[in-house]
């Protein structure tokens, strides 16, 4: 989904390290943000990083570096962001020119944030081809906010965080999902 610089994409639902495309993904109510590096998450606003610390990292067993980063963010959030390396973005107070607050007769200020360093293009994850033969159903996981394809015969389920990943499937399989 397109990243808009002016408007927030909504509340953060989940986040994960996507091993196949080697990036961090933060799923929001109205879109997904992809970060090339772990430390790029620091460019999020302080309240977004605080929301990330309250959520569990999806697929944390697959990549220990992302798991350690999530633990470090939780510790720094509790300590009050003492470490400069893991400190998120706080706003800069900028005075609005030629405006005064009528009740207090003082200058008006606005909060300014730097743009978030996200990936410009949506990375598409490579998908298996012709694998929906034993598909039983597909559903939405409310805990992780992922689409899950469930197979018969106890095969491993396939989880998709981003709906755009379906684009890499053949047309016949997309019709079957429909």
Foldseek 3Di string as FASTA:
>chain_A
DDDDQPDDQAAWQAKEQDVQVGWIWTDHPRGIFTGNDPLLVLLDEPVNLVSHLVADYPPCVVDVVNVVSSVVSVVCVVVVNPDPSNHHWYWDWDWDPPDADVVVRHTDTDTDGDTRDTDRDDDAGADDEPDCPQWDAWDADSRRRWIWTDGPPPDDIDTHNDPVNCVNYDPVVVVVND
